[in-house]
């Protein structure tokens, strides 16, 4: 049973664990560092003694890319070992922490043994390394990346500032990426399947009808700029509201972005400069999100 992690700062979770994630070598690169301490800890185990991480954040594996990698592995073997941990339920087996793509390709290549680095990680550390490894190597689509950031924040108590510093990303990148989780499931599916880019998705977050605009973008192969313009214009009945939104200053827009990222819901601020007050709107997509919001307000 997975342990419930306590909220904490970076601690060992990111700063130390990231040392386990080496820049990924091309499997066709035969040049190795003879004196590497990581290589000295390497061992070879039967491929059928290894199982994937049940909490692997990456869900989509391109079959053509796996076949290409498998062809390379048949010729060169596996250059970089997988990171694994002992299976908590069976000491004779291992769970993948990082390197599931290589493991899948090795199965296709019908390799019998595979090089690994064994690390003694608990459930929390295992998930953190898996998320960070995928994000660092750009192996996740934008929605999976957003879910990875959300997991690191919600489950492990990391802040956006901590993640940005540890992972070499800007805070705005993290916030904008997590905003994609506000999109309807259908739109997220377009992004996961590669039919829409992250740029398209960011423009759709502010659209009055993101599903209709996403369908139009896919069917007409609209550019990101086209989608941005369509999202800003909106239906003719809401021109007044769009003019008001277009006149928002940069601080208001940034505050909307920060609140949206923190809540995981779309936040809109309508400030009346003359009156000195205004309205803050929070859009939830289902009752579960509404329950989450009520819990946050009750504990504030």
Protein backbone atom coordinates (compact mmCIF):
# COMPACT_ATOMS: atom_id res chain seq x y z
CA UNK A 1 0.00 0.00 0.00
CA UNK A 2 1.35 3.39 -0.93
CA UNK A 3 2.31 5.58 1.99
CA UNK A 4 0.74 8.98 2.36
CA UNK A 5 3.58 11.51 2.04
CA UNK A 6 3.82 14.42 4.42
CA UNK A 7 3.86 17.95 3.04
CA UNK A 8 7.46 19.10 2.90
CA UNK A 9 9.90 21.34 1.14
CA UNK A 10 12.47 20.22 -1.36
CA UNK A 11 14.42 18.14 1.13
CA UNK A 12 15.64 14.90 -0.42
CA UNK A 13 12.62 14.86 -2.71
CA UNK A 14 14.09 16.97 -5.53
CA UNK A 15 17.54 18.34 -4.81
CA UNK A 16 19.09 14.97 -3.96
CA UNK A 17 16.93 12.71 -6.07
CA UNK A 18 17.68 14.66 -9.23
CA UNK A 19 21.29 13.53 -8.94
CA UNK A 20 20.03 10.05 -9.90
CA UNK A 21 18.80 11.30 -13.26
CA UNK A 22 21.63 11.53 -15.76
CA UNK A 23 21.24 13.22 -19.15
CA UNK A 24 19.96 10.45 -21.39
CA UNK A 25 22.51 9.09 -23.83
CA UNK A 26 21.46 8.11 -27.31
CA UNK A 27 21.24 4.32 -27.42
CA UNK A 28 23.34 4.50 -30.58
CA UNK A 29 26.18 6.31 -28.78
CA UNK A 30 28.94 3.84 -27.90
CA UNK A 31 31.13 6.32 -25.99
CA UNK A 32 31.03 5.63 -22.23
CA UNK A 33 32.71 7.25 -19.22
CA UNK A 34 35.02 4.53 -17.98
CA UNK A 35 35.44 6.08 -14.54
CA UNK A 36 31.78 6.79 -13.85
CA UNK A 37 30.76 5.88 -10.30
CA UNK A 38 27.19 5.28 -11.52
CA UNK A 39 28.47 2.68 -13.99
CA UNK A 40 30.37 0.89 -11.24
CA UNK A 41 27.06 0.33 -9.38
CA UNK A 42 25.43 -1.18 -12.45
CA UNK A 43 24.18 -4.78 -12.45
CA UNK A 44 22.39 -6.99 -14.96
CA UNK A 45 19.08 -8.66 -14.15
CA UNK A 46 16.58 -10.78 -16.13
CA UNK A 47 14.12 -8.59 -18.00
CA UNK A 48 11.19 -10.66 -16.74
CA UNK A 49 12.12 -9.77 -13.13
CA UNK A 50 11.29 -6.10 -13.81
CA UNK A 51 7.83 -4.53 -13.67
CA UNK A 52 6.76 -0.98 -14.65
CA UNK A 53 6.00 1.74 -12.13
CA UNK A 54 2.23 1.56 -11.42
CA UNK A 55 2.23 5.37 -10.93
CA UNK A 56 4.15 6.13 -14.13
CA UNK A 57 3.07 9.65 -15.17
CA UNK A 58 3.72 8.93 -18.83
CA UNK A 59 0.76 7.07 -20.34
CA UNK A 60 1.36 7.32 -24.09
CA UNK A 61 4.24 5.48 -25.79
CA UNK A 62 4.66 5.96 -29.55
CA UNK A 63 4.81 2.49 -31.08
CA UNK A 64 6.87 3.54 -34.11
CA UNK A 65 9.46 5.18 -31.85
CA UNK A 66 9.58 2.03 -29.68
CA UNK A 67 10.15 -0.12 -32.77
CA UNK A 68 13.00 2.15 -33.89
CA UNK A 69 14.60 1.99 -30.44
CA UNK A 70 14.18 -1.79 -30.36
CA UNK A 71 16.06 -2.07 -33.66
CA UNK A 72 18.90 -0.03 -32.17
CA UNK A 73 18.96 -2.17 -29.01
CA UNK A 74 19.25 -5.36 -31.04
CA UNK A 75 22.40 -3.96 -32.66
CA UNK A 76 24.04 -1.99 -29.82
CA UNK A 77 22.40 -3.21 -26.64
CA UNK A 78 21.27 -0.86 -23.87
CA UNK A 79 23.82 1.92 -23.31
CA UNK A 80 22.22 3.58 -20.29
CA UNK A 81 20.92 1.38 -17.44
CA UNK A 82 17.43 1.70 -16.04
CA UNK A 83 16.91 3.04 -12.52
CA UNK A 84 14.93 0.50 -10.48
CA UNK A 85 14.05 -0.21 -6.87
CA UNK A 86 13.41 -3.54 -5.10
CA UNK A 87 9.75 -4.54 -5.39
CA UNK A 88 8.17 -3.86 -1.95
CA UNK A 89 6.13 -7.08 -2.26
CA UNK A 90 8.78 -9.42 -3.71
CA UNK A 91 12.49 -9.06 -2.91
CA UNK A 92 13.43 -11.07 -6.02
CA UNK A 93 11.85 -8.54 -8.38
CA UNK A 94 12.27 -4.85 -9.25
CA UNK A 95 10.07 -1.88 -10.16
CA UNK A 96 11.09 0.67 -12.78
CA UNK A 97 11.77 4.15 -11.45
CA UNK A 98 13.13 5.62 -14.71
CA UNK A 99 13.56 4.05 -18.12
CA UNK A 100 10.27 2.33 -18.94
CA UNK A 101 10.63 3.26 -22.62
CA UNK A 102 13.92 1.34 -22.82
CA UNK A 103 12.35 -1.60 -20.97
CA UNK A 104 9.45 -1.74 -23.43
CA UNK A 105 11.80 -1.54 -26.42
CA UNK A 106 14.03 -4.26 -24.92
CA UNK A 107 11.01 -6.55 -24.73
CA UNK A 108 10.27 -5.91 -28.41
CA UNK A 109 13.94 -6.63 -29.18
CA UNK A 110 13.60 -9.88 -27.18
CA UNK A 111 16.53 -9.12 -24.90
CA UNK A 112 16.79 -11.50 -21.95
CA UNK A 113 18.86 -9.39 -19.55
CA UNK A 114 18.96 -5.66 -18.91
CA UNK A 115 21.42 -3.33 -17.06
CA UNK A 116 20.01 -1.52 -14.02
CA UNK A 117 21.01 0.78 -11.18
CA UNK A 118 19.23 -0.24 -7.98
CA UNK A 119 18.08 2.59 -5.71
CA UNK A 120 16.42 2.22 -2.31
CA UNK A 121 13.48 4.60 -2.78
CA UNK A 122 10.14 4.81 -1.01
CA UNK A 123 6.84 5.32 -2.86
CA UNK A 124 7.06 9.11 -2.63
CA UNK A 125 10.65 9.32 -3.90
CA UNK A 126 9.90 6.82 -6.68
CA UNK A 127 7.04 8.90 -8.05
CA UNK A 128 9.03 12.12 -7.78
CA UNK A 129 11.95 10.71 -9.76
CA UNK A 130 9.61 9.26 -12.40
CA UNK A 131 7.86 12.61 -12.88
CA UNK A 132 11.08 14.64 -12.93
CA UNK A 133 12.84 12.25 -15.31
CA UNK A 134 10.03 12.46 -17.83
CA UNK A 135 9.68 16.24 -17.58
CA UNK A 136 13.43 16.87 -17.87
CA UNK A 137 13.69 14.71 -20.97
CA UNK A 138 10.56 16.19 -22.61
CA UNK A 139 9.02 12.71 -22.73
CA UNK A 140 5.60 13.94 -21.63
CA UNK A 141 2.94 15.62 -23.72
CA UNK A 142 1.78 19.02 -22.33
CA UNK A 143 -1.17 17.52 -20.42
CA UNK A 144 0.98 14.82 -18.81
CA UNK A 145 3.55 17.49 -17.94
CA UNK A 146 0.84 19.60 -16.29
CA UNK A 147 -0.40 16.58 -14.32
CA UNK A 148 3.19 15.90 -13.24
CA UNK A 149 3.58 19.41 -11.84
CA UNK A 150 0.20 19.15 -10.15
CA UNK A 151 1.20 15.86 -8.49
CA UNK A 152 4.48 17.31 -7.23
CA UNK A 153 2.60 20.26 -5.71
CA UNK A 154 -0.49 18.49 -4.35
CA UNK A 155 1.03 15.23 -3.15
CA UNK A 156 4.45 16.37 -2.01
CA UNK A 157 3.93 19.98 -0.94
CA UNK A 158 6.41 21.53 -3.37
CA UNK A 159 5.76 25.14 -4.38
CA UNK A 160 5.94 26.55 -7.89
CA UNK A 161 9.03 28.54 -6.90
CA UNK A 162 10.80 25.40 -5.63
CA UNK A 163 9.95 23.42 -8.74
CA UNK A 164 11.01 26.22 -11.06
CA UNK A 165 14.39 26.56 -9.33
CA UNK A 166 15.09 22.82 -9.06
CA UNK A 167 14.07 21.98 -12.62
CA UNK A 168 15.45 25.00 -14.45
CA UNK A 169 12.02 26.16 -15.61
CA UNK A 170 10.44 29.58 -15.20
CA UNK A 171 7.60 30.00 -12.74
CA UNK A 172 5.40 31.34 -15.55
CA UNK A 173 6.05 28.15 -17.56
CA UNK A 174 4.84 26.02 -14.65
CA UNK A 175 1.77 28.21 -14.08
CA UNK A 176 0.84 28.34 -17.77
CA UNK A 177 1.32 24.60 -18.19
CA UNK A 178 -0.88 23.76 -15.21
CA UNK A 179 -3.60 26.05 -16.57
CA UNK A 180 -4.11 23.49 -19.34
CA UNK A 181 -5.80 21.25 -16.76
CA UNK A 182 -8.69 23.75 -16.73
CA UNK A 183 -9.58 22.72 -20.29
CA UNK A 184 -12.47 20.29 -20.93
CA UNK A 185 -11.54 16.63 -21.30
CA UNK A 186 -12.19 16.65 -25.05
CA UNK A 187 -9.76 19.52 -25.57
CA UNK A 188 -7.16 17.85 -23.35
CA UNK A 189 -7.50 14.72 -25.50
CA UNK A 190 -6.65 16.75 -28.62
CA UNK A 191 -3.48 17.96 -26.87
CA UNK A 192 -2.51 14.48 -25.62
CA UNK A 193 -2.95 13.06 -29.12
CA UNK A 194 -0.82 15.80 -30.67
CA UNK A 195 -3.66 17.31 -32.72
CA UNK A 196 -3.23 20.60 -30.84
CA UNK A 197 0.00 22.08 -29.51
CA UNK A 198 0.58 23.56 -26.07
CA UNK A 199 0.35 26.99 -27.70
CA UNK A 200 -3.10 26.19 -29.06
CA UNK A 201 -4.16 24.88 -25.66
CA UNK A 202 -2.98 27.98 -23.78
CA UNK A 203 -5.05 30.17 -26.13
CA UNK A 204 -8.10 27.95 -25.61
CA UNK A 205 -8.03 28.36 -21.80
CA UNK A 206 -9.54 31.86 -22.13
CA UNK A 207 -12.02 31.00 -24.91
CA UNK A 208 -15.76 31.29 -24.26
CA UNK A 209 -16.34 27.90 -25.90
CA UNK A 210 -13.03 26.02 -25.89
CA UNK A 211 -14.53 22.78 -27.23
CA UNK A 212 -16.07 24.42 -30.31
CA UNK A 213 -12.93 26.42 -31.00
CA UNK A 214 -10.72 23.34 -30.51
CA UNK A 215 -12.80 21.36 -33.00
CA UNK A 216 -12.52 24.22 -35.49
CA UNK A 217 -8.75 24.46 -34.96
CA UNK A 218 -8.33 20.73 -35.61
CA UNK A 219 -10.64 20.57 -38.64
CA UNK A 220 -9.22 23.72 -40.26
CA UNK A 221 -5.59 23.26 -39.12
CA UNK A 222 -5.63 26.72 -37.56
CA UNK A 223 -2.36 28.25 -36.39
CA UNK A 224 -1.78 29.29 -32.78
CA UNK A 225 -2.20 32.93 -33.82
CA UNK A 226 -5.54 32.11 -35.48
CA UNK A 227 -6.77 30.45 -32.28
CA UNK A 228 -5.54 33.35 -30.15
CA UNK A 229 -7.43 35.85 -32.31
CA UNK A 230 -10.60 33.73 -32.28
CA UNK A 231 -10.42 33.32 -28.49
CA UNK A 232 -10.07 37.09 -28.04
CA UNK A 233 -12.92 38.00 -30.39
CA UNK A 234 -15.45 35.50 -29.05
CA UNK A 235 -19.15 35.63 -29.98
CA UNK A 236 -20.59 39.00 -31.03
CA UNK A 237 -22.87 39.07 -27.97
CA UNK A 238 -19.90 39.33 -25.65
CA UNK A 239 -17.93 42.11 -27.35
CA UNK A 240 -18.30 44.41 -24.37
CA UNK A 241 -16.89 41.78 -22.04
CA UNK A 242 -14.04 41.08 -24.44
CA UNK A 243 -13.17 44.80 -24.66
CA UNK A 244 -13.07 44.91 -20.88
CA UNK A 245 -10.85 41.80 -20.75
CA UNK A 246 -8.53 43.23 -23.40
CA UNK A 247 -8.09 46.38 -21.28
CA UNK A 248 -6.86 44.50 -18.22
CA UNK A 249 -3.43 45.51 -17.03
CA UNK A 250 -0.54 43.06 -16.79
CA UNK A 251 -0.77 42.78 -12.98
CA UNK A 252 -4.43 41.73 -13.14
CA UNK A 253 -3.72 39.16 -15.83
CA UNK A 254 -0.82 37.75 -13.81
CA UNK A 255 -2.99 37.56 -10.69
CA UNK A 256 -5.64 35.69 -12.68
CA UNK A 257 -2.98 33.28 -13.93
CA UNK A 258 -1.53 32.69 -10.44
CA UNK A 259 -4.93 32.10 -8.86
CA UNK A 260 -5.98 29.79 -11.70
CA UNK A 261 -2.80 27.73 -11.32
CA UNK A 262 -3.14 27.57 -7.53
CA UNK A 263 -6.78 26.46 -7.60
CA UNK A 264 -6.67 24.37 -10.75
CA UNK A 265 -9.76 26.27 -11.97
CA UNK A 266 -10.34 29.23 -14.27
CA UNK A 267 -10.31 32.52 -12.31
CA UNK A 268 -11.51 35.78 -13.88
CA UNK A 269 -11.09 39.19 -12.21
CA UNK A 270 -13.29 42.10 -13.34
CA UNK A 271 -11.97 45.23 -11.63
CA UNK A 272 -13.78 48.57 -11.85
CA UNK A 273 -11.08 51.21 -11.57
CA UNK A 274 -13.56 54.03 -10.99
CA UNK A 275 -15.45 52.27 -8.19
CA UNK A 276 -12.34 50.71 -6.68
CA UNK A 277 -14.00 47.29 -6.43
CA UNK A 278 -14.93 44.48 -8.72
CA UNK A 279 -15.87 40.85 -9.14
CA UNK A 280 -13.84 37.63 -8.92
CA UNK A 281 -15.29 34.59 -10.72
CA UNK A 282 -14.16 30.98 -10.34
CA UNK A 283 -15.31 28.46 -12.95
CA UNK A 284 -15.47 24.79 -11.92
CA UNK A 285 -16.03 21.99 -14.42
CA UNK A 286 -17.79 19.47 -12.14
CA UNK A 287 -19.09 18.93 -8.60
CA UNK A 288 -15.82 17.34 -7.55
CA UNK A 289 -13.97 20.58 -8.30
CA UNK A 290 -16.65 22.52 -6.43
CA UNK A 291 -16.14 20.26 -3.40
CA UNK A 292 -12.38 20.87 -3.61
CA UNK A 293 -12.98 24.62 -3.68
CA UNK A 294 -15.31 24.46 -0.67
CA UNK A 295 -12.70 22.50 1.30
CA UNK A 296 -10.08 25.12 0.48
CA UNK A 297 -12.37 27.96 1.59
CA UNK A 298 -13.34 26.19 4.80
CA UNK A 299 -9.71 25.60 5.79
CA UNK A 300 -8.52 29.11 4.93
